[in-house]
Amino acid sequence: MSIPIPVYSLAYSRVSQKYFGNLESISKNSFGVYYLIGETMNKMQVVEQIQNIVQSDYVVTFRSYVLVDGEEHSFKLGVEYPSGSGKSTYEGAKFEAIEPPPAPQLQQLIQQLNQTIPPLTVGAVSPYFDKTPATTFGAPK
C-alpha cells in the first residue's frame, strides 16, 4: 500500500450538493480535509488554511556524519505507513556536504540541532547503516 496523497476539497454549488458525498469520502479517506463552502464563507481563508497545512506537513531533520567535502551524497528516507504496519516506502535524495555559512539564525538552528541530535564523539560509530566511525566531523566544537 502506498502512502495516500491528501486531497483537500472545496465543495460549492448553487444548485445541488447531492454529488458532494463522493468528494467528501475521497478527502477523508486520503487524510485530507473536506470543506463545504457556503455563499457567506470566505473562500480565501479556506485556501490559506489548506496552504498552511500543506506547507507544514512533513519536516525531516537528520544529522549527516559525512566529512565536509563539497560533494553531493545520496541518502534514502523510509516512511512506515500505516504506523506499526511494517510496510515502508522509501524515497532517495541528495545533499551537499558543505560548511554552514556563519549566519546568526543558522548558527542558532545548529545549536538547537546539537541539543536534539548530539554530534558523535570521536571514535563513536555512526547510527546509520554504514557504521562509519566518527572522526573530527562528529565531535562537538
N, C-alpha and C. Protein backbone atom coordinates (compact mmCIF):
# COMPACT_ATOMS: atom_id res chain seq x y z
N MET A 1 0.84 -1.19 0.00
CA MET A 1 0.00 0.00 0.00
C MET A 1 0.88 1.24 0.00
N SER A 2 0.68 2.11 -0.95
CA SER A 2 1.48 3.33 -1.00
C SER A 2 0.85 4.39 -0.09
N ILE A 3 1.63 5.38 0.24
CA ILE A 3 1.14 6.46 1.11
C ILE A 3 0.15 7.29 0.31
N PRO A 4 -1.06 7.52 0.86
CA PRO A 4 -2.04 8.30 0.11
C PRO A 4 -1.65 9.77 0.05
N ILE A 5 -2.00 10.40 -1.04
CA ILE A 5 -1.79 11.84 -1.19
C ILE A 5 -3.04 12.52 -0.66
N PRO A 6 -2.92 13.36 0.37
CA PRO A 6 -4.10 14.01 0.93
C PRO A 6 -4.82 14.87 -0.12
N VAL A 7 -6.11 14.73 -0.18
CA VAL A 7 -6.94 15.51 -1.10
C VAL A 7 -7.73 16.51 -0.27
N TYR A 8 -7.57 17.79 -0.57
CA TYR A 8 -8.29 18.86 0.11
C TYR A 8 -9.36 19.36 -0.85
N SER A 9 -10.62 19.23 -0.46
CA SER A 9 -11.73 19.55 -1.35
C SER A 9 -12.49 20.77 -0.88
N LEU A 10 -12.79 21.66 -1.81
CA LEU A 10 -13.66 22.80 -1.55
C LEU A 10 -14.91 22.58 -2.37
N ALA A 11 -15.98 22.21 -1.71
CA ALA A 11 -17.23 21.89 -2.39
C ALA A 11 -18.17 23.09 -2.36
N TYR A 12 -18.61 23.50 -3.55
CA TYR A 12 -19.51 24.65 -3.65
C TYR A 12 -20.45 24.45 -4.83
N SER A 13 -21.71 24.71 -4.61
CA SER A 13 -22.69 24.65 -5.68
C SER A 13 -23.89 25.49 -5.31
N ARG A 14 -24.40 26.22 -6.25
CA ARG A 14 -25.64 26.98 -6.03
C ARG A 14 -26.86 26.12 -6.33
N VAL A 15 -26.64 24.98 -7.01
CA VAL A 15 -27.75 24.16 -7.45
C VAL A 15 -28.01 22.99 -6.50
N SER A 16 -27.04 22.06 -6.37
CA SER A 16 -27.27 20.85 -5.60
C SER A 16 -25.97 20.36 -4.97
N GLN A 17 -26.11 19.80 -3.78
CA GLN A 17 -24.96 19.24 -3.09
C GLN A 17 -25.00 17.71 -3.11
N LYS A 18 -25.85 17.12 -3.94
CA LYS A 18 -26.05 15.67 -3.89
C LYS A 18 -24.83 14.86 -4.32
N TYR A 19 -23.92 15.43 -5.08
CA TYR A 19 -22.73 14.69 -5.52
C TYR A 19 -21.52 14.93 -4.63
N PHE A 20 -21.67 15.70 -3.60
CA PHE A 20 -20.54 16.03 -2.75
C PHE A 20 -20.13 14.89 -1.81
N GLY A 21 -20.95 13.89 -1.67
CA GLY A 21 -20.63 12.75 -0.81
C GLY A 21 -19.36 12.04 -1.25
N ASN A 22 -19.21 11.84 -2.56
CA ASN A 22 -18.00 11.19 -3.07
C ASN A 22 -16.77 12.06 -2.82
N LEU A 23 -16.90 13.34 -3.02
CA LEU A 23 -15.79 14.26 -2.79
C LEU A 23 -15.38 14.25 -1.31
N GLU A 24 -16.37 14.25 -0.44
CA GLU A 24 -16.09 14.20 1.00
C GLU A 24 -15.39 12.89 1.37
N SER A 25 -15.85 11.80 0.80
CA SER A 25 -15.26 10.49 1.08
C SER A 25 -13.80 10.42 0.61
N ILE A 26 -13.53 10.93 -0.59
CA ILE A 26 -12.16 10.94 -1.11
C ILE A 26 -11.25 11.74 -0.19
N SER A 27 -11.71 12.90 0.24
CA SER A 27 -10.89 13.75 1.12
C SER A 27 -10.61 13.06 2.45
N LYS A 28 -11.62 12.52 3.06
CA LYS A 28 -11.45 11.90 4.37
C LYS A 28 -10.62 10.62 4.30
N ASN A 29 -10.78 9.82 3.25
CA ASN A 29 -10.03 8.57 3.12
C ASN A 29 -8.57 8.79 2.71
N SER A 30 -8.25 9.97 2.22
CA SER A 30 -6.86 10.26 1.83
C SER A 30 -6.15 11.09 2.90
N PHE A 31 -6.79 11.25 4.06
CA PHE A 31 -6.28 12.06 5.17
C PHE A 31 -6.21 13.54 4.81
N GLY A 32 -7.02 13.96 3.86
CA GLY A 32 -7.15 15.37 3.53
C GLY A 32 -8.29 15.97 4.33
N VAL A 33 -8.81 17.09 3.85
CA VAL A 33 -9.89 17.77 4.54
C VAL A 33 -10.95 18.17 3.51
N TYR A 34 -12.20 18.00 3.89
CA TYR A 34 -13.34 18.36 3.05
C TYR A 34 -13.94 19.66 3.60
N TYR A 35 -14.09 20.65 2.73
CA TYR A 35 -14.70 21.92 3.11
C TYR A 35 -15.96 22.12 2.29
N LEU A 36 -17.09 22.26 2.97
CA LEU A 36 -18.34 22.60 2.29
C LEU A 36 -18.43 24.12 2.32
N ILE A 37 -18.27 24.73 1.17
CA ILE A 37 -18.20 26.18 1.07
C ILE A 37 -19.60 26.74 0.84
N GLY A 38 -19.99 27.66 1.70
CA GLY A 38 -21.29 28.32 1.55
C GLY A 38 -21.14 29.68 0.89
N GLU A 39 -22.26 30.33 0.64
CA GLU A 39 -22.24 31.66 0.00
C GLU A 39 -21.50 32.69 0.84
N THR A 40 -21.63 32.59 2.15
CA THR A 40 -21.05 33.62 3.02
C THR A 40 -19.64 33.29 3.48
N MET A 41 -19.17 32.07 3.25
CA MET A 41 -17.84 31.67 3.74
C MET A 41 -16.74 32.34 2.91
N ASN A 42 -15.70 32.77 3.60
CA ASN A 42 -14.56 33.39 2.92
C ASN A 42 -13.70 32.28 2.30
N LYS A 43 -13.76 32.16 0.99
CA LYS A 43 -13.05 31.09 0.28
C LYS A 43 -11.54 31.25 0.40
N MET A 44 -11.05 32.47 0.44
CA MET A 44 -9.61 32.71 0.55
C MET A 44 -9.08 32.23 1.90
N GLN A 45 -9.87 32.36 2.96
CA GLN A 45 -9.43 31.86 4.27
C GLN A 45 -9.25 30.35 4.23
N VAL A 46 -10.13 29.65 3.54
CA VAL A 46 -10.02 28.20 3.42
C VAL A 46 -8.79 27.83 2.61
N VAL A 47 -8.55 28.54 1.51
CA VAL A 47 -7.37 28.27 0.69
C VAL A 47 -6.10 28.51 1.50
N GLU A 48 -6.05 29.58 2.28
CA GLU A 48 -4.89 29.87 3.13
C GLU A 48 -4.71 28.79 4.19
N GLN A 49 -5.81 28.30 4.73
CA GLN A 49 -5.75 27.23 5.73
C GLN A 49 -5.15 25.96 5.11
N ILE A 50 -5.57 25.61 3.91
CA ILE A 50 -5.03 24.45 3.21
C ILE A 50 -3.54 24.66 2.93
N GLN A 51 -3.17 25.86 2.49
CA GLN A 51 -1.77 26.16 2.21
C GLN A 51 -0.92 25.98 3.47
N ASN A 52 -1.41 26.42 4.61
CA ASN A 52 -0.68 26.26 5.87
C ASN A 52 -0.51 24.79 6.24
N ILE A 53 -1.53 24.00 6.01
CA ILE A 53 -1.46 22.57 6.30
C ILE A 53 -0.41 21.91 5.41
N VAL A 54 -0.47 22.19 4.12
CA VAL A 54 0.45 21.56 3.16
C VAL A 54 1.90 21.96 3.42
N GLN A 55 2.12 23.23 3.74
CA GLN A 55 3.49 23.71 3.94
C GLN A 55 4.11 23.18 5.23
N SER A 56 3.29 22.75 6.18
CA SER A 56 3.85 22.26 7.44
C SER A 56 3.64 20.77 7.62
N ASP A 57 3.35 20.06 6.55
CA ASP A 57 3.03 18.66 6.62
C ASP A 57 4.18 17.79 7.11
N TYR A 58 5.30 17.81 6.42
CA TYR A 58 6.41 16.94 6.77
C TYR A 58 7.71 17.73 6.86
N VAL A 59 8.37 17.63 7.98
CA VAL A 59 9.68 18.23 8.16
C VAL A 59 10.59 17.14 8.70
N VAL A 60 11.67 16.87 7.98
CA VAL A 60 12.62 15.84 8.39
C VAL A 60 13.96 16.51 8.66
N THR A 61 14.50 16.27 9.84
CA THR A 61 15.82 16.78 10.18
C THR A 61 16.70 15.59 10.50
N PHE A 62 17.89 15.56 9.93
CA PHE A 62 18.82 14.50 10.24
C PHE A 62 20.22 15.07 10.31
N ARG A 63 21.08 14.40 11.01
CA ARG A 63 22.47 14.81 11.11
C ARG A 63 23.29 13.91 10.21
N SER A 64 24.10 14.53 9.36
CA SER A 64 24.98 13.77 8.49
C SER A 64 26.32 13.61 9.17
N TYR A 65 26.91 12.43 9.03
CA TYR A 65 28.25 12.18 9.56
C TYR A 65 29.27 12.07 8.44
N VAL A 66 28.96 12.72 7.31
CA VAL A 66 29.85 12.75 6.17
C VAL A 66 30.79 13.94 6.34
N LEU A 67 32.06 13.74 6.05
CA LEU A 67 33.01 14.84 6.11
C LEU A 67 32.64 15.94 5.13
N VAL A 68 32.89 17.18 5.51
CA VAL A 68 32.65 18.31 4.61
C VAL A 68 33.63 18.18 3.45
N ASP A 69 33.08 17.96 2.25
CA ASP A 69 33.93 17.79 1.07
C ASP A 69 33.38 18.52 -0.15
N GLY A 70 32.24 19.22 0.00
CA GLY A 70 31.66 19.95 -1.11
C GLY A 70 31.00 19.08 -2.16
N GLU A 71 30.95 17.78 -1.93
CA GLU A 71 30.38 16.84 -2.90
C GLU A 71 28.92 16.53 -2.55
N GLU A 72 28.19 16.01 -3.55
CA GLU A 72 26.83 15.53 -3.31
C GLU A 72 26.89 14.10 -2.77
N HIS A 73 26.03 13.82 -1.81
CA HIS A 73 25.95 12.49 -1.22
C HIS A 73 24.49 12.05 -1.22
N SER A 74 24.26 10.82 -1.58
CA SER A 74 22.90 10.27 -1.63
C SER A 74 22.47 9.80 -0.25
N PHE A 75 21.17 9.87 -0.02
CA PHE A 75 20.58 9.26 1.17
C PHE A 75 19.20 8.76 0.80
N LYS A 76 18.67 7.90 1.62
CA LYS A 76 17.35 7.34 1.39
C LYS A 76 16.56 7.45 2.69
N LEU A 77 15.32 7.91 2.58
CA LEU A 77 14.46 8.07 3.73
C LEU A 77 13.32 7.08 3.62
N GLY A 78 13.08 6.35 4.70
CA GLY A 78 11.98 5.40 4.73
C GLY A 78 10.87 5.88 5.64
N VAL A 79 9.64 5.73 5.19
CA VAL A 79 8.47 6.09 5.98
C VAL A 79 7.60 4.86 6.12
N GLU A 80 7.31 4.49 7.37
CA GLU A 80 6.43 3.37 7.62
C GLU A 80 5.00 3.88 7.67
N TYR A 81 4.15 3.31 6.81
CA TYR A 81 2.76 3.73 6.77
C TYR A 81 1.87 2.55 6.43
N PRO A 82 0.79 2.34 7.14
CA PRO A 82 0.42 2.97 8.39
C PRO A 82 1.41 2.61 9.50
N SER A 83 1.48 3.44 10.48
CA SER A 83 2.42 3.26 11.57
C SER A 83 2.22 1.90 12.22
N GLY A 84 3.33 1.18 12.43
CA GLY A 84 3.25 -0.13 13.05
C GLY A 84 2.93 -1.26 12.10
N SER A 85 2.74 -0.96 10.82
CA SER A 85 2.34 -1.98 9.85
C SER A 85 3.50 -2.81 9.32
N GLY A 86 4.72 -2.26 9.43
CA GLY A 86 5.87 -2.92 8.85
C GLY A 86 6.01 -2.67 7.36
N LYS A 87 5.10 -1.89 6.79
CA LYS A 87 5.15 -1.55 5.36
C LYS A 87 5.81 -0.19 5.21
N SER A 88 6.92 -0.16 4.49
CA SER A 88 7.66 1.09 4.34
C SER A 88 7.78 1.50 2.88
N THR A 89 7.81 2.79 2.67
CA THR A 89 8.06 3.38 1.37
C THR A 89 9.34 4.19 1.48
N TYR A 90 10.20 4.10 0.48
CA TYR A 90 11.49 4.78 0.52
C TYR A 90 11.59 5.80 -0.60
N GLU A 91 12.26 6.89 -0.30
CA GLU A 91 12.49 7.94 -1.29
C GLU A 91 13.95 8.37 -1.17
N GLY A 92 14.64 8.47 -2.29
CA GLY A 92 16.04 8.87 -2.29
C GLY A 92 16.18 10.34 -2.64
N ALA A 93 17.26 10.94 -2.15
CA ALA A 93 17.57 12.33 -2.46
C ALA A 93 19.08 12.52 -2.28
N LYS A 94 19.54 13.74 -2.45
CA LYS A 94 20.96 14.05 -2.29
C LYS A 94 21.11 15.31 -1.46
N PHE A 95 22.26 15.44 -0.80
CA PHE A 95 22.60 16.67 -0.10
C PHE A 95 24.06 16.98 -0.40
N GLU A 96 24.43 18.24 -0.23
CA GLU A 96 25.80 18.68 -0.46
C GLU A 96 26.48 18.88 0.89
N ALA A 97 27.62 18.24 1.09
CA ALA A 97 28.35 18.32 2.35
C ALA A 97 29.23 19.57 2.36
N ILE A 98 28.68 20.65 2.89
CA ILE A 98 29.39 21.93 2.93
C ILE A 98 29.35 22.50 4.35
N GLU A 99 30.24 23.43 4.61
CA GLU A 99 30.22 24.14 5.89
C GLU A 99 29.03 25.09 5.88
N PRO A 100 28.33 25.22 6.99
CA PRO A 100 27.22 26.19 7.01
C PRO A 100 27.77 27.61 7.02
N PRO A 101 27.07 28.53 6.35
CA PRO A 101 27.52 29.93 6.39
C PRO A 101 27.39 30.48 7.81
N PRO A 102 28.20 31.47 8.18
CA PRO A 102 28.17 31.98 9.56
C PRO A 102 27.01 32.93 9.84
N ALA A 103 25.84 32.60 9.38
CA ALA A 103 24.66 33.43 9.62
C ALA A 103 24.14 33.18 11.04
N PRO A 104 23.85 34.23 11.80
CA PRO A 104 23.39 34.06 13.19
C PRO A 104 22.16 33.16 13.33
N GLN A 105 21.19 33.33 12.44
CA GLN A 105 19.99 32.49 12.52
C GLN A 105 20.33 31.02 12.31
N LEU A 106 21.21 30.76 11.38
CA LEU A 106 21.60 29.39 11.08
C LEU A 106 22.40 28.79 12.24
N GLN A 107 23.26 29.58 12.83
CA GLN A 107 24.04 29.10 13.98
C GLN A 107 23.13 28.73 15.14
N GLN A 108 22.06 29.50 15.32
CA GLN A 108 21.09 29.20 16.38
C GLN A 108 20.38 27.88 16.09
N LEU A 109 20.02 27.64 14.83
CA LEU A 109 19.38 26.38 14.46
C LEU A 109 20.32 25.20 14.66
N ILE A 110 21.60 25.41 14.36
CA ILE A 110 22.59 24.34 14.56
C ILE A 110 22.73 24.01 16.04
N GLN A 111 22.69 25.02 16.89
CA GLN A 111 22.74 24.78 18.34
C GLN A 111 21.53 23.96 18.79
N GLN A 112 20.35 24.28 18.27
CA GLN A 112 19.15 23.51 18.60
C GLN A 112 19.28 22.07 18.12
N LEU A 113 19.83 21.89 16.92
CA LEU A 113 20.05 20.54 16.39
C LEU A 113 21.01 19.78 17.30
N ASN A 114 22.08 20.44 17.73
CA ASN A 114 23.06 19.79 18.60
C ASN A 114 22.44 19.34 19.92
N GLN A 115 21.44 20.06 20.41
CA GLN A 115 20.76 19.66 21.64
C GLN A 115 19.82 18.48 21.39
N THR A 116 19.16 18.49 20.23
CA THR A 116 18.20 17.43 19.91
C THR A 116 18.90 16.16 19.43
N ILE A 117 19.85 16.32 18.52
CA ILE A 117 20.61 15.19 17.99
C ILE A 117 22.09 15.50 18.22
N PRO A 118 22.62 15.09 19.36
CA PRO A 118 24.02 15.45 19.67
C PRO A 118 24.99 14.88 18.65
N PRO A 119 26.06 15.64 18.37
CA PRO A 119 27.09 15.13 17.47
C PRO A 119 27.75 13.90 18.08
N LEU A 120 28.29 13.05 17.22
CA LEU A 120 29.03 11.88 17.71
C LEU A 120 30.37 12.32 18.27
N THR A 121 30.82 11.63 19.28
CA THR A 121 32.17 11.88 19.79
C THR A 121 33.15 11.11 18.91
N VAL A 122 34.39 11.54 18.90
CA VAL A 122 35.42 10.89 18.08
C VAL A 122 35.52 9.42 18.47
N GLY A 123 35.48 8.55 17.48
CA GLY A 123 35.57 7.11 17.72
C GLY A 123 34.23 6.42 17.84
N ALA A 124 33.14 7.17 18.06
CA ALA A 124 31.81 6.56 18.15
C ALA A 124 31.41 6.07 16.75
N VAL A 125 30.48 5.13 16.71
CA VAL A 125 30.05 4.55 15.44
C VAL A 125 28.78 5.25 14.96
N SER A 126 28.73 5.55 13.66
CA SER A 126 27.57 6.19 13.06
C SER A 126 26.31 5.36 13.32
N PRO A 127 25.21 6.00 13.66
CA PRO A 127 23.97 5.27 13.91
C PRO A 127 23.28 4.80 12.63
N TYR A 128 23.82 5.19 11.47
CA TYR A 128 23.22 4.81 10.20
C TYR A 128 23.77 3.48 9.73
N PHE A 129 23.29 3.00 8.62
CA PHE A 129 23.62 1.66 8.13
C PHE A 129 25.11 1.45 7.86
N ASP A 130 25.83 2.53 7.52
CA ASP A 130 27.23 2.33 7.12
C ASP A 130 28.16 2.05 8.30
N LYS A 131 27.77 2.40 9.51
CA LYS A 131 28.55 2.15 10.74
C LYS A 131 29.96 2.73 10.67
N THR A 132 30.08 3.89 10.02
CA THR A 132 31.37 4.56 9.89
C THR A 132 31.78 5.14 11.25
N PRO A 133 33.04 4.89 11.69
CA PRO A 133 33.49 5.51 12.94
C PRO A 133 33.59 7.03 12.78
N ALA A 134 33.20 7.75 13.81
CA ALA A 134 33.25 9.20 13.75
C ALA A 134 34.70 9.69 13.81
N THR A 135 34.96 10.75 13.03
CA THR A 135 36.24 11.44 13.11
C THR A 135 35.95 12.82 13.67
N THR A 136 36.75 13.78 13.39
CA THR A 136 36.51 15.12 13.96
C THR A 136 35.24 15.76 13.47
N PHE A 137 34.65 15.25 12.36
CA PHE A 137 33.43 15.88 11.86
C PHE A 137 32.26 15.71 12.81
N GLY A 138 32.27 14.70 13.66
CA GLY A 138 31.16 14.46 14.57
C GLY A 138 31.40 14.97 15.97
N ALA A 139 32.59 15.50 16.20
CA ALA A 139 32.92 15.95 17.55
C ALA A 139 32.33 17.31 17.82
N PRO A 140 31.85 17.54 19.04
CA PRO A 140 31.33 18.88 19.40
C PRO A 140 32.42 19.93 19.28
N LYS A 141 32.03 21.12 18.85
CA LYS A 141 33.01 22.21 18.70
C LYS A 141 33.04 23.05 19.96
